[in-house]
Amino acid sequence: MSESREEDQFLTVKEVADRLHVCRASIYLWLKKGFPQPLKFGRASRWRSTEVDGWVRSRPKGAYGERK
């Protein structure tokens, strides 16, 4: 039995920022507030696309920043 599952891509901070239409600094600020932690490959940081997409779905509609 095989499950259909989205294939993970490993995204750079620039790719994550472009996907979310924000600057790179926003990604680093969000790391302190529940944004998915990156995986480290040597000195490089990479985010799983499925984790980023899941984080976006968990946010209020139209809001990436702070919940008020």
N, C-alpha and C. Protein backbone atom coordinates (compact mmCIF):
# COMPACT_ATOMS: atom_id res chain seq x y z
N MET A 1 0.84 -1.17 0.00
CA MET A 1 0.00 0.00 0.00
C MET A 1 0.90 1.24 0.00
N SER A 2 0.72 2.13 -0.96
CA SER A 2 1.53 3.35 -0.97
C SER A 2 0.66 4.56 -0.74
N GLU A 3 1.15 5.47 0.07
CA GLU A 3 0.42 6.69 0.37
C GLU A 3 0.87 7.79 -0.58
N SER A 4 -0.08 8.58 -1.04
CA SER A 4 0.26 9.74 -1.85
C SER A 4 0.66 10.86 -0.89
N ARG A 5 1.90 11.31 -1.02
CA ARG A 5 2.39 12.31 -0.09
C ARG A 5 3.20 13.34 -0.86
N GLU A 6 3.00 14.59 -0.51
CA GLU A 6 3.74 15.66 -1.17
C GLU A 6 5.23 15.48 -0.91
N GLU A 7 6.01 15.61 -1.95
CA GLU A 7 7.46 15.49 -1.83
C GLU A 7 8.02 16.77 -1.21
N ASP A 8 8.85 16.62 -0.19
CA ASP A 8 9.49 17.78 0.43
C ASP A 8 10.55 18.36 -0.49
N GLN A 9 10.57 19.67 -0.54
CA GLN A 9 11.67 20.38 -1.16
C GLN A 9 12.38 21.11 -0.04
N PHE A 10 13.67 21.30 -0.18
CA PHE A 10 14.43 22.04 0.82
C PHE A 10 14.67 23.43 0.27
N LEU A 11 14.13 24.44 0.96
CA LEU A 11 14.13 25.81 0.49
C LEU A 11 15.16 26.66 1.23
N THR A 12 15.81 27.56 0.51
CA THR A 12 16.71 28.53 1.13
C THR A 12 15.88 29.63 1.77
N VAL A 13 16.50 30.47 2.58
CA VAL A 13 15.77 31.57 3.20
C VAL A 13 15.23 32.51 2.12
N LYS A 14 15.96 32.72 1.04
CA LYS A 14 15.48 33.57 -0.04
C LYS A 14 14.24 32.96 -0.70
N GLU A 15 14.26 31.64 -0.92
CA GLU A 15 13.10 30.98 -1.52
C GLU A 15 11.88 31.04 -0.61
N VAL A 16 12.09 30.87 0.70
CA VAL A 16 10.99 30.98 1.66
C VAL A 16 10.43 32.40 1.65
N ALA A 17 11.31 33.39 1.71
CA ALA A 17 10.88 34.79 1.71
C ALA A 17 10.12 35.12 0.42
N ASP A 18 10.62 34.67 -0.71
CA ASP A 18 9.93 34.92 -1.98
C ASP A 18 8.56 34.25 -2.00
N ARG A 19 8.48 33.04 -1.48
CA ARG A 19 7.21 32.29 -1.46
C ARG A 19 6.17 33.01 -0.60
N LEU A 20 6.63 33.64 0.48
CA LEU A 20 5.71 34.31 1.41
C LEU A 20 5.58 35.81 1.14
N HIS A 21 6.33 36.32 0.16
CA HIS A 21 6.29 37.74 -0.21
C HIS A 21 6.69 38.65 0.95
N VAL A 22 7.77 38.28 1.62
CA VAL A 22 8.31 39.07 2.72
C VAL A 22 9.82 39.17 2.54
N CYS A 23 10.46 39.99 3.37
CA CYS A 23 11.92 40.08 3.32
C CYS A 23 12.52 38.95 4.17
N ARG A 24 13.79 38.68 3.93
CA ARG A 24 14.48 37.61 4.67
C ARG A 24 14.48 37.87 6.17
N ALA A 25 14.59 39.13 6.56
CA ALA A 25 14.62 39.46 8.00
C ALA A 25 13.34 38.99 8.70
N SER A 26 12.21 39.04 8.01
CA SER A 26 10.95 38.58 8.61
C SER A 26 11.02 37.11 8.98
N ILE A 27 11.64 36.31 8.13
CA ILE A 27 11.77 34.88 8.40
C ILE A 27 12.55 34.67 9.69
N TYR A 28 13.66 35.38 9.85
CA TYR A 28 14.49 35.23 11.05
C TYR A 28 13.76 35.73 12.30
N LEU A 29 12.95 36.78 12.18
CA LEU A 29 12.16 37.24 13.32
C LEU A 29 11.10 36.20 13.70
N TRP A 30 10.46 35.62 12.70
CA TRP A 30 9.41 34.63 12.95
C TRP A 30 9.94 33.36 13.59
N LEU A 31 11.24 33.06 13.42
CA LEU A 31 11.81 31.86 14.04
C LEU A 31 11.64 31.88 15.56
N LYS A 32 11.60 33.08 16.13
CA LYS A 32 11.43 33.22 17.59
C LYS A 32 9.96 33.10 17.99
N LYS A 33 9.06 33.05 16.98
CA LYS A 33 7.62 33.07 17.27
C LYS A 33 6.88 31.90 16.65
N GLY A 34 7.54 30.77 16.53
CA GLY A 34 6.83 29.57 16.09
C GLY A 34 6.99 29.18 14.63
N PHE A 35 7.77 29.93 13.85
CA PHE A 35 8.02 29.54 12.46
C PHE A 35 8.86 28.27 12.46
N PRO A 36 8.64 27.37 11.50
CA PRO A 36 9.42 26.12 11.49
C PRO A 36 10.93 26.37 11.51
N GLN A 37 11.62 25.59 12.29
CA GLN A 37 13.07 25.70 12.38
C GLN A 37 13.71 25.08 11.15
N PRO A 38 14.79 25.66 10.67
CA PRO A 38 15.45 25.10 9.48
C PRO A 38 16.28 23.87 9.84
N LEU A 39 16.53 23.07 8.84
CA LEU A 39 17.49 21.99 8.96
C LEU A 39 18.85 22.56 8.59
N LYS A 40 19.89 22.09 9.23
CA LYS A 40 21.24 22.59 8.94
C LYS A 40 21.98 21.55 8.12
N PHE A 41 22.53 21.99 7.00
CA PHE A 41 23.39 21.18 6.15
C PHE A 41 24.73 21.89 6.14
N GLY A 42 25.61 21.51 7.05
CA GLY A 42 26.85 22.26 7.24
C GLY A 42 26.47 23.64 7.77
N ARG A 43 26.87 24.67 7.07
CA ARG A 43 26.53 26.04 7.47
C ARG A 43 25.24 26.53 6.83
N ALA A 44 24.69 25.77 5.91
CA ALA A 44 23.50 26.18 5.18
C ALA A 44 22.23 25.79 5.94
N SER A 45 21.25 26.69 5.92
CA SER A 45 19.95 26.43 6.52
C SER A 45 18.94 26.19 5.40
N ARG A 46 18.11 25.16 5.57
CA ARG A 46 17.08 24.85 4.59
C ARG A 46 15.79 24.51 5.32
N TRP A 47 14.68 24.98 4.77
CA TRP A 47 13.36 24.71 5.33
C TRP A 47 12.64 23.69 4.47
N ARG A 48 11.91 22.78 5.10
CA ARG A 48 11.08 21.83 4.37
C ARG A 48 9.86 22.59 3.84
N SER A 49 9.58 22.43 2.56
CA SER A 49 8.45 23.14 1.95
C SER A 49 7.13 22.76 2.62
N THR A 50 6.98 21.49 3.01
CA THR A 50 5.73 21.06 3.64
C THR A 50 5.54 21.72 5.00
N GLU A 51 6.61 21.95 5.74
CA GLU A 51 6.50 22.62 7.04
C GLU A 51 6.14 24.09 6.86
N VAL A 52 6.73 24.74 5.87
CA VAL A 52 6.41 26.15 5.59
C VAL A 52 4.94 26.26 5.17
N ASP A 53 4.51 25.38 4.27
CA ASP A 53 3.11 25.40 3.81
C ASP A 53 2.15 25.14 4.97
N GLY A 54 2.51 24.21 5.85
CA GLY A 54 1.67 23.93 7.02
C GLY A 54 1.58 25.12 7.95
N TRP A 55 2.69 25.84 8.12
CA TRP A 55 2.69 27.04 8.97
C TRP A 55 1.76 28.10 8.36
N VAL A 56 1.84 28.27 7.05
CA VAL A 56 0.98 29.26 6.37
C VAL A 56 -0.49 28.90 6.58
N ARG A 57 -0.83 27.61 6.43
CA ARG A 57 -2.23 27.19 6.61
C ARG A 57 -2.70 27.39 8.04
N SER A 58 -1.80 27.39 9.01
CA SER A 58 -2.19 27.54 10.42
C SER A 58 -2.41 29.00 10.82
N ARG A 59 -2.01 29.92 9.97
CA ARG A 59 -2.13 31.35 10.28
C ARG A 59 -3.53 31.85 9.95
N PRO A 60 -3.97 32.93 10.59
CA PRO A 60 -5.26 33.53 10.21
C PRO A 60 -5.21 33.95 8.75
N LYS A 61 -6.35 33.88 8.09
CA LYS A 61 -6.41 34.20 6.67
C LYS A 61 -5.88 35.60 6.40
N GLY A 62 -4.89 35.69 5.50
CA GLY A 62 -4.33 36.97 5.11
C GLY A 62 -3.31 37.54 6.08
N ALA A 63 -2.90 36.77 7.08
CA ALA A 63 -1.96 37.30 8.08
C ALA A 63 -0.81 36.35 8.29
N TYR A 64 0.40 36.85 8.11
CA TYR A 64 1.59 36.06 8.45
C TYR A 64 2.18 36.54 9.75
N GLY A 65 1.91 37.80 10.13
CA GLY A 65 2.53 38.38 11.30
C GLY A 65 1.86 37.97 12.60
N GLU A 66 1.92 38.87 13.54
CA GLU A 66 1.38 38.62 14.87
C GLU A 66 -0.12 38.44 14.86
N ARG A 67 -0.60 37.52 15.68
CA ARG A 67 -2.04 37.40 15.93
C ARG A 67 -2.40 38.44 16.98
N LYS A 68 -3.50 39.11 16.77
CA LYS A 68 -3.91 40.13 17.76
C LYS A 68 -5.16 39.70 18.47
